[in-house]
Amino acid sequence: MSVTLSVSDYLHHSGLVLQFGDISAKVSQFQVQLQQFIATEPVPEIKWQYQVPELGEGGACSLFGQLADEPYDLSAILGGQTAENEKALQKLSAVAAYYQQHSALDWFGIYQARSNVAGEPVLVKLAYYGAASRAEFPLNSEFAKISNNSTVGLTGKAKVINDVAAYLGTGGEYYTCDPKVQAEACLPLYNQSGKIIGIVDAEDFNKNVFTADAMALLVAVCLTIPAYLP
């Protein structure tokens, strides 16, 4: 199992301390609550397959709400529906359930950095809640020009946007699958040596939802996930 950084190291590595200050104490409180939730809540249902949007030119989402004919199957990229993989997905689904209950945000996803079946480096979505969204984000500099997920997956620096429309108005690049999204926080996942091993992405249909307390909750999630990645 991977082990993540300390709270302080995470805040500095990700750059969040510059935006939100020292939120370590609040993060630690949420970490304790999250571990209790995972240990005591019923095992959640996991998704080996899930619906994904139809992709258009350049790999971007096409018409909003238009789904691909075939669902995405995690079995291939994870090497099969093994007992180990199933346990990992159960834990990650529990983390997503905790975040949904405590954040009340509209969308959340956990992504791991892996090579896909074509041997390409990607971020693959292992657990989530909310509307259908793409399964894999290419981990390369070209796709990072239009994707915060890929950018964070390459740089390890958090990206927090509390007003998507204002961000776009200043020339910011943004990958749009759901036009209702008005705020997004994309945070890195690290192992104990500081290597980037994935990301989380949280979105909401309201502006200005990512306060210091909201970020403390999301950081606690990021510090918990690495131990459960397959």
C-alpha atoms as a PDB file:
ATOM      1  CA  MET A   1       0.000   0.000   0.000  1.00  0.00           C
ATOM      2  CA  SER A   2       1.114   3.542  -0.698  1.00  0.00           C
ATOM      3  CA  VAL A   3       1.523   5.946   2.184  1.00  0.00           C
ATOM      4  CA  THR A   4       0.983   9.643   1.690  1.00  0.00           C
ATOM      5  CA  LEU A   5       2.753  12.772   2.955  1.00  0.00           C
ATOM      6  CA  SER A   6       2.125  14.509   6.277  1.00  0.00           C
ATOM      7  CA  VAL A   7      -0.583  17.184   6.359  1.00  0.00           C
ATOM      8  CA  SER A   8       1.998  19.992   6.422  1.00  0.00           C
ATOM      9  CA  ASP A   9       4.036  18.509   3.573  1.00  0.00           C
ATOM     10  CA  TYR A  10       0.888  17.990   1.505  1.00  0.00           C
ATOM     11  CA  LEU A  11      -0.207  21.604   1.925  1.00  0.00           C
ATOM     12  CA  HIS A  12       3.223  22.852   0.862  1.00  0.00           C
ATOM     13  CA  HIS A  13       3.749  20.401  -2.011  1.00  0.00           C
ATOM     14  CA  SER A  14       0.326  21.167  -3.483  1.00  0.00           C
ATOM     15  CA  GLY A  15       0.639  24.933  -3.040  1.00  0.00           C
ATOM     16  CA  LEU A  16      -2.572  25.104  -1.021  1.00  0.00           C
ATOM     17  CA  VAL A  17      -0.882  26.722   1.983  1.00  0.00           C
ATOM     18  CA  LEU A  18      -0.341  29.826  -0.161  1.00  0.00           C
ATOM     19  CA  GLN A  19      -4.057  30.038  -0.964  1.00  0.00           C
ATOM     20  CA  PHE A  20      -5.715  28.903   2.246  1.00  0.00           C
ATOM     21  CA  GLY A  21      -3.070  29.196   4.974  1.00  0.00           C
ATOM     22  CA  ASP A  22      -2.352  26.542   7.592  1.00  0.00           C
ATOM     23  CA  ILE A  23      -5.509  24.418   7.745  1.00  0.00           C
ATOM     24  CA  SER A  24      -3.668  21.444   9.271  1.00  0.00           C
ATOM     25  CA  ALA A  25      -5.725  21.196  12.467  1.00  0.00           C
ATOM     26  CA  LYS A  26      -9.013  21.042  10.584  1.00  0.00           C
ATOM     27  CA  VAL A  27      -7.578  18.534   8.114  1.00  0.00           C
ATOM     28  CA  SER A  28      -6.548  16.242  10.976  1.00  0.00           C
ATOM     29  CA  GLN A  29     -10.069  16.369  12.432  1.00  0.00           C
ATOM     30  CA  PHE A  30     -11.563  15.309   9.134  1.00  0.00           C
ATOM     31  CA  GLN A  31      -8.986  12.519   8.765  1.00  0.00           C
ATOM     32  CA  VAL A  32     -10.129  10.972  12.055  1.00  0.00           C
ATOM     33  CA  GLN A  33     -13.791  11.232  11.048  1.00  0.00           C
ATOM     34  CA  LEU A  34     -13.117   9.695   7.658  1.00  0.00           C
ATOM     35  CA  GLN A  35     -11.259   6.699   9.109  1.00  0.00           C
ATOM     36  CA  GLN A  36     -14.138   6.107  11.529  1.00  0.00           C
ATOM     37  CA  PHE A  37     -16.593   6.275   8.636  1.00  0.00           C
ATOM     38  CA  ILE A  38     -14.634   3.731   6.591  1.00  0.00           C
ATOM     39  CA  ALA A  39     -14.354   1.377   9.568  1.00  0.00           C
ATOM     40  CA  THR A  40     -18.014   1.481  10.617  1.00  0.00           C
ATOM     41  CA  GLU A  41     -20.185   2.134   7.578  1.00  0.00           C
ATOM     42  CA  PRO A  42     -21.623  -0.749   5.504  1.00  0.00           C
ATOM     43  CA  VAL A  43     -19.521  -1.774   2.504  1.00  0.00           C
ATOM     44  CA  PRO A  44     -20.716   0.356  -0.429  1.00  0.00           C
ATOM     45  CA  GLU A  45     -21.645  -0.994  -3.826  1.00  0.00           C
ATOM     46  CA  ILE A  46     -18.777  -0.626  -6.287  1.00  0.00           C
ATOM     47  CA  LYS A  47     -18.869   0.145 -10.004  1.00  0.00           C
ATOM     48  CA  TRP A  48     -16.758  -2.031 -12.279  1.00  0.00           C
ATOM     49  CA  GLN A  49     -18.545  -0.469 -15.242  1.00  0.00           C
ATOM     50  CA  TYR A  50     -19.980   3.008 -15.647  1.00  0.00           C
ATOM     51  CA  GLN A  51     -21.454   5.202 -18.362  1.00  0.00           C
ATOM     52  CA  VAL A  52     -19.190   7.746 -20.042  1.00  0.00           C
ATOM     53  CA  PRO A  53     -19.828  10.670 -22.402  1.00  0.00           C
ATOM     54  CA  GLU A  54     -19.317  10.384 -26.128  1.00  0.00           C
ATOM     55  CA  LEU A  55     -15.957  11.964 -26.939  1.00  0.00           C
ATOM     56  CA  GLY A  56     -15.531  14.353 -29.837  1.00  0.00           C
ATOM     57  CA  GLU A  57     -12.640  15.882 -31.734  1.00  0.00           C
ATOM     58  CA  GLY A  58      -9.443  16.101 -29.712  1.00  0.00           C
ATOM     59  CA  GLY A  59     -10.804  13.801 -27.028  1.00  0.00           C
ATOM     60  CA  ALA A  60     -13.116  16.410 -25.529  1.00  0.00           C
ATOM     61  CA  CYS A  61     -16.689  15.667 -24.531  1.00  0.00           C
ATOM     62  CA  SER A  62     -19.150  16.090 -27.385  1.00  0.00           C
ATOM     63  CA  LEU A  63     -22.766  17.109 -26.843  1.00  0.00           C
ATOM     64  CA  PHE A  64     -23.589  17.387 -23.146  1.00  0.00           C
ATOM     65  CA  GLY A  65     -25.590  14.385 -21.966  1.00  0.00           C
ATOM     66  CA  GLN A  66     -24.738  12.260 -25.010  1.00  0.00           C
ATOM     67  CA  LEU A  67     -23.386   8.955 -23.685  1.00  0.00           C
ATOM     68  CA  ALA A  68     -21.211   6.396 -25.430  1.00  0.00           C
ATOM     69  CA  ASP A  69     -22.918   3.153 -26.462  1.00  0.00           C
ATOM     70  CA  GLU A  70     -20.584   1.018 -24.364  1.00  0.00           C
ATOM     71  CA  PRO A  71     -19.827   1.626 -20.668  1.00  0.00           C
ATOM     72  CA  TYR A  72     -16.244   1.861 -19.467  1.00  0.00           C
ATOM     73  CA  ASP A  73     -14.973  -1.315 -17.779  1.00  0.00           C
ATOM     74  CA  LEU A  74     -12.307  -0.929 -15.079  1.00  0.00           C
ATOM     75  CA  SER A  75     -11.342  -4.605 -15.278  1.00  0.00           C
ATOM     76  CA  ALA A  76      -8.943  -4.137 -18.193  1.00  0.00           C
ATOM     77  CA  ILE A  77      -6.816  -1.335 -16.758  1.00  0.00           C
ATOM     78  CA  LEU A  78      -6.774  -2.897 -13.267  1.00  0.00           C
ATOM     79  CA  GLY A  79      -5.839  -6.368 -14.488  1.00  0.00           C
ATOM     80  CA  GLY A  80      -9.129  -8.089 -13.722  1.00  0.00           C
ATOM     81  CA  GLN A  81     -11.829  -8.258 -11.059  1.00  0.00           C
ATOM     82  CA  THR A  82      -9.558  -9.656  -8.388  1.00  0.00           C
ATOM     83  CA  ALA A  83     -10.354  -9.759  -4.682  1.00  0.00           C
ATOM     84  CA  GLU A  84      -7.606  -7.185  -4.058  1.00  0.00           C
ATOM     85  CA  ASN A  85      -9.011  -4.805  -6.656  1.00  0.00           C
ATOM     86  CA  GLU A  86     -12.540  -5.251  -5.342  1.00  0.00           C
ATOM     87  CA  LYS A  87     -11.431  -4.410  -1.796  1.00  0.00           C
ATOM     88  CA  ALA A  88      -9.607  -1.321  -3.062  1.00  0.00           C
ATOM     89  CA  LEU A  89     -12.655  -0.104  -4.970  1.00  0.00           C
ATOM     90  CA  GLN A  90     -14.851  -0.678  -1.914  1.00  0.00           C
ATOM     91  CA  LYS A  91     -12.583   1.506   0.216  1.00  0.00           C
ATOM     92  CA  LEU A  92     -12.421   4.214  -2.418  1.00  0.00           C
ATOM     93  CA  SER A  93     -16.199   4.114  -2.828  1.00  0.00           C
ATOM     94  CA  ALA A  94     -16.496   4.577   0.934  1.00  0.00           C
ATOM     95  CA  VAL A  95     -14.257   7.648   0.729  1.00  0.00           C
ATOM     96  CA  ALA A  96     -16.463   9.051  -2.034  1.00  0.00           C
ATOM     97  CA  ALA A  97     -19.582   8.364   0.053  1.00  0.00           C
ATOM     98  CA  TYR A  98     -18.065  10.186   3.033  1.00  0.00           C
ATOM     99  CA  TYR A  99     -17.169  13.178   0.888  1.00  0.00           C
ATOM    100  CA  GLN A 100     -20.652  13.298  -0.599  1.00  0.00           C
ATOM    101  CA  GLN A 101     -22.259  13.313   2.848  1.00  0.00           C
ATOM    102  CA  HIS A 102     -19.964  15.955   4.324  1.00  0.00           C
ATOM    103  CA  SER A 103     -19.443  18.273   1.362  1.00  0.00           C
ATOM    104  CA  ALA A 104     -22.861  18.123  -0.341  1.00  0.00           C
ATOM    105  CA  LEU A 105     -21.077  19.000  -3.596  1.00  0.00           C
ATOM    106  CA  ASP A 106     -22.593  17.890  -6.887  1.00  0.00           C
ATOM    107  CA  TRP A 107     -19.714  15.828  -8.284  1.00  0.00           C
ATOM    108  CA  PHE A 108     -16.566  14.081  -7.080  1.00  0.00           C
ATOM    109  CA  GLY A 109     -14.093  11.623  -8.603  1.00  0.00           C
ATOM    110  CA  ILE A 110     -10.954   9.719  -7.562  1.00  0.00           C
ATOM    111  CA  TYR A 111      -8.368   9.129 -10.297  1.00  0.00           C
ATOM    112  CA  GLN A 112      -5.209   7.011 -10.284  1.00  0.00           C
ATOM    113  CA  ALA A 113      -2.208   7.509 -12.560  1.00  0.00           C
ATOM    114  CA  ARG A 114      -1.802   4.328 -14.630  1.00  0.00           C
ATOM    115  CA  SER A 115      -0.958   3.091 -18.099  1.00  0.00           C
ATOM    116  CA  ASN A 116      -4.072   2.185 -20.082  1.00  0.00           C
ATOM    117  CA  VAL A 117      -4.492  -0.883 -22.264  1.00  0.00           C
ATOM    118  CA  ALA A 118      -2.725   0.955 -25.109  1.00  0.00           C
ATOM    119  CA  GLY A 119       0.277   1.627 -22.866  1.00  0.00           C
ATOM    120  CA  GLU A 120      -0.457   5.362 -22.612  1.00  0.00           C
ATOM    121  CA  PRO A 121      -0.148   7.257 -19.285  1.00  0.00           C
ATOM    122  CA  VAL A 122      -3.591   8.317 -18.081  1.00  0.00           C
ATOM    123  CA  LEU A 123      -5.600   9.264 -15.045  1.00  0.00           C
ATOM    124  CA  VAL A 124      -8.306   6.617 -14.656  1.00  0.00           C
ATOM    125  CA  LYS A 125     -11.464   7.223 -12.629  1.00  0.00           C
ATOM    126  CA  LEU A 126     -11.783   4.504  -9.979  1.00  0.00           C
ATOM    127  CA  ALA A 127     -14.687   5.829  -7.887  1.00  0.00           C
ATOM    128  CA  TYR A 128     -17.046   8.781  -8.136  1.00  0.00           C
ATOM    129  CA  TYR A 129     -20.518  10.147  -7.597  1.00  0.00           C
ATOM    130  CA  GLY A 130     -22.555  12.491  -9.774  1.00  0.00           C
ATOM    131  CA  ALA A 131     -23.217  12.748 -13.498  1.00  0.00           C
ATOM    132  CA  ALA A 132     -21.496  10.555 -16.081  1.00  0.00           C
ATOM    133  CA  SER A 133     -18.006  11.767 -16.967  1.00  0.00           C
ATOM    134  CA  ARG A 134     -15.001  10.533 -18.927  1.00  0.00           C
ATOM    135  CA  ALA A 135     -13.060   7.569 -17.589  1.00  0.00           C
ATOM    136  CA  GLU A 136      -9.510   8.405 -18.657  1.00  0.00           C
ATOM    137  CA  PHE A 137      -7.637  11.700 -18.938  1.00  0.00           C
ATOM    138  CA  PRO A 138      -4.420  11.566 -20.972  1.00  0.00           C
ATOM    139  CA  LEU A 139      -1.379  12.445 -18.872  1.00  0.00           C
ATOM    140  CA  ASN A 140       0.565  14.507 -21.377  1.00  0.00           C
ATOM    141  CA  SER A 141       1.445  18.148 -21.873  1.00  0.00           C
ATOM    142  CA  GLU A 142      -0.757  18.541 -24.942  1.00  0.00           C
ATOM    143  CA  PHE A 143      -3.964  17.465 -23.197  1.00  0.00           C
ATOM    144  CA  ALA A 144      -2.983  19.454 -20.108  1.00  0.00           C
ATOM    145  CA  LYS A 145      -3.534  22.600 -22.196  1.00  0.00           C
ATOM    146  CA  ILE A 146      -7.290  22.009 -21.942  1.00  0.00           C
ATOM    147  CA  SER A 147      -7.576  19.914 -18.772  1.00  0.00           C
ATOM    148  CA  ASN A 148      -7.032  20.855 -15.132  1.00  0.00           C
ATOM    149  CA  ASN A 149      -7.060  17.156 -14.246  1.00  0.00           C
ATOM    150  CA  SER A 150      -4.129  16.424 -16.543  1.00  0.00           C
ATOM    151  CA  THR A 151      -2.311  19.586 -15.466  1.00  0.00           C
ATOM    152  CA  VAL A 152      -2.549  18.675 -11.780  1.00  0.00           C
ATOM    153  CA  GLY A 153      -1.641  15.077 -12.575  1.00  0.00           C
ATOM    154  CA  LEU A 154       1.577  16.282 -14.217  1.00  0.00           C
ATOM    155  CA  THR A 155       2.568  19.174 -11.947  1.00  0.00           C
ATOM    156  CA  GLY A 156       1.315  18.038  -8.541  1.00  0.00           C
ATOM    157  CA  LYS A 157       0.003  21.549  -7.885  1.00  0.00           C
ATOM    158  CA  ALA A 158      -3.618  22.031  -6.809  1.00  0.00           C
ATOM    159  CA  LYS A 159      -6.021  23.973  -9.005  1.00  0.00           C
ATOM    160  CA  VAL A 160      -8.973  25.666  -7.287  1.00  0.00           C
ATOM    161  CA  ILE A 161     -11.504  27.640  -9.331  1.00  0.00           C
ATOM    162  CA  ASN A 162     -14.359  29.230  -7.389  1.00  0.00           C
ATOM    163  CA  ASP A 163     -15.906  30.928 -10.423  1.00  0.00           C
ATOM    164  CA  VAL A 164     -15.538  29.049 -13.702  1.00  0.00           C
ATOM    165  CA  ALA A 165     -17.111  31.825 -15.803  1.00  0.00           C
ATOM    166  CA  ALA A 166     -14.725  34.430 -14.417  1.00  0.00           C
ATOM    167  CA  TYR A 167     -11.788  32.055 -14.925  1.00  0.00           C
ATOM    168  CA  LEU A 168     -12.736  31.528 -18.565  1.00  0.00           C
ATOM    169  CA  GLY A 169     -13.204  35.282 -18.948  1.00  0.00           C
ATOM    170  CA  THR A 170      -9.559  35.834 -18.056  1.00  0.00           C
ATOM    171  CA  GLY A 171      -8.418  33.365 -20.706  1.00  0.00           C
ATOM    172  CA  GLY A 172      -8.108  30.282 -18.506  1.00  0.00           C
ATOM    173  CA  GLU A 173      -8.252  26.904 -20.234  1.00  0.00           C
ATOM    174  CA  TYR A 174     -11.014  24.600 -19.034  1.00  0.00           C
ATOM    175  CA  TYR A 175     -12.305  21.138 -19.959  1.00  0.00           C
ATOM    176  CA  THR A 176     -16.107  21.362 -20.009  1.00  0.00           C
ATOM    177  CA  CYS A 177     -18.285  18.266 -19.840  1.00  0.00           C
ATOM    178  CA  ASP A 178     -21.123  19.694 -17.749  1.00  0.00           C
ATOM    179  CA  PRO A 179     -21.933  23.370 -18.418  1.00  0.00           C
ATOM    180  CA  LYS A 180     -23.698  23.658 -15.054  1.00  0.00           C
ATOM    181  CA  VAL A 181     -20.389  23.415 -13.159  1.00  0.00           C
ATOM    182  CA  GLN A 182     -19.458  26.789 -11.649  1.00  0.00           C
ATOM    183  CA  ALA A 183     -16.664  25.777  -9.259  1.00  0.00           C
ATOM    184  CA  GLU A 184     -13.973  23.096  -9.349  1.00  0.00           C
ATOM    185  CA  ALA A 185     -11.130  21.950  -7.114  1.00  0.00           C
ATOM    186  CA  CYS A 186      -8.594  19.521  -8.526  1.00  0.00           C
ATOM    187  CA  LEU A 187      -6.026  18.247  -6.009  1.00  0.00           C
ATOM    188  CA  PRO A 188      -3.063  15.871  -6.362  1.00  0.00           C
ATOM    189  CA  LEU A 189      -2.499  12.543  -4.634  1.00  0.00           C
ATOM    190  CA  TYR A 190       1.053  11.735  -3.501  1.00  0.00           C
ATOM    191  CA  ASN A 191       2.877   8.735  -2.098  1.00  0.00           C
ATOM    192  CA  GLN A 192       5.226   9.107   0.865  1.00  0.00           C
ATOM    193  CA  SER A 193       8.123  10.287  -1.310  1.00  0.00           C
ATOM    194  CA  GLY A 194       6.051  13.006  -2.928  1.00  0.00           C
ATOM    195  CA  LYS A 195       5.509  11.237  -6.255  1.00  0.00           C
ATOM    196  CA  ILE A 196       2.219  12.107  -7.958  1.00  0.00           C
ATOM    197  CA  ILE A 197       0.062   8.964  -8.030  1.00  0.00           C
ATOM    198  CA  GLY A 198      -3.313  10.442  -8.959  1.00  0.00           C
ATOM    199  CA  ILE A 199      -5.763  13.269  -8.371  1.00  0.00           C
ATOM    200  CA  VAL A 200      -9.205  14.029  -7.009  1.00  0.00           C
ATOM    201  CA  ASP A 201     -11.671  16.318  -8.728  1.00  0.00           C
ATOM    202  CA  ALA A 202     -14.592  18.026  -6.963  1.00  0.00           C
ATOM    203  CA  GLU A 203     -17.201  20.157  -8.711  1.00  0.00           C
ATOM    204  CA  ASP A 204     -20.313  22.099  -7.806  1.00  0.00           C
ATOM    205  CA  PHE A 205     -23.100  23.961  -9.563  1.00  0.00           C
ATOM    206  CA  ASN A 206     -22.581  26.976  -7.259  1.00  0.00           C
ATOM    207  CA  LYS A 207     -19.770  29.517  -7.095  1.00  0.00           C
ATOM    208  CA  ASN A 208     -17.409  30.141  -4.176  1.00  0.00           C
ATOM    209  CA  VAL A 209     -17.927  26.808  -2.428  1.00  0.00           C
ATOM    210  CA  PHE A 210     -14.237  26.093  -1.813  1.00  0.00           C
ATOM    211  CA  THR A 211     -13.661  27.854   1.489  1.00  0.00           C
ATOM    212  CA  ALA A 212     -10.808  27.015   3.877  1.00  0.00           C
ATOM    213  CA  ASP A 213     -12.995  24.490   5.722  1.00  0.00           C
ATOM    214  CA  ALA A 214     -14.136  22.925   2.450  1.00  0.00           C
ATOM    215  CA  MET A 215     -10.531  22.559   1.366  1.00  0.00           C
ATOM    216  CA  ALA A 216      -9.572  20.995   4.706  1.00  0.00           C
ATOM    217  CA  LEU A 217     -12.196  18.301   4.073  1.00  0.00           C
ATOM    218  CA  LEU A 218     -10.893  17.678   0.565  1.00  0.00           C
ATOM    219  CA  VAL A 219      -7.266  17.528   1.713  1.00  0.00           C
ATOM    220  CA  ALA A 220      -8.216  14.960   4.378  1.00  0.00           C
ATOM    221  CA  VAL A 221      -9.708  12.869   1.583  1.00  0.00           C
ATOM    222  CA  CYS A 222      -6.518  13.223  -0.473  1.00  0.00           C
ATOM    223  CA  LEU A 223      -4.375  12.093   2.446  1.00  0.00           C
ATOM    224  CA  THR A 224      -6.568   9.032   3.032  1.00  0.00           C
ATOM    225  CA  ILE A 225      -6.894   7.729  -0.537  1.00  0.00           C
ATOM    226  CA  PRO A 226      -3.298   6.607  -1.295  1.00  0.00           C
ATOM    227  CA  ALA A 227      -3.417   3.760   1.247  1.00  0.00           C
ATOM    228  CA  TYR A 228      -6.359   2.236  -0.656  1.00  0.00           C
ATOM    229  CA  LEU A 229      -5.245   2.589  -4.271  1.00  0.00           C
ATOM    230  CA  PRO A 230      -4.948  -0.776  -6.097  1.00  0.00           C
END
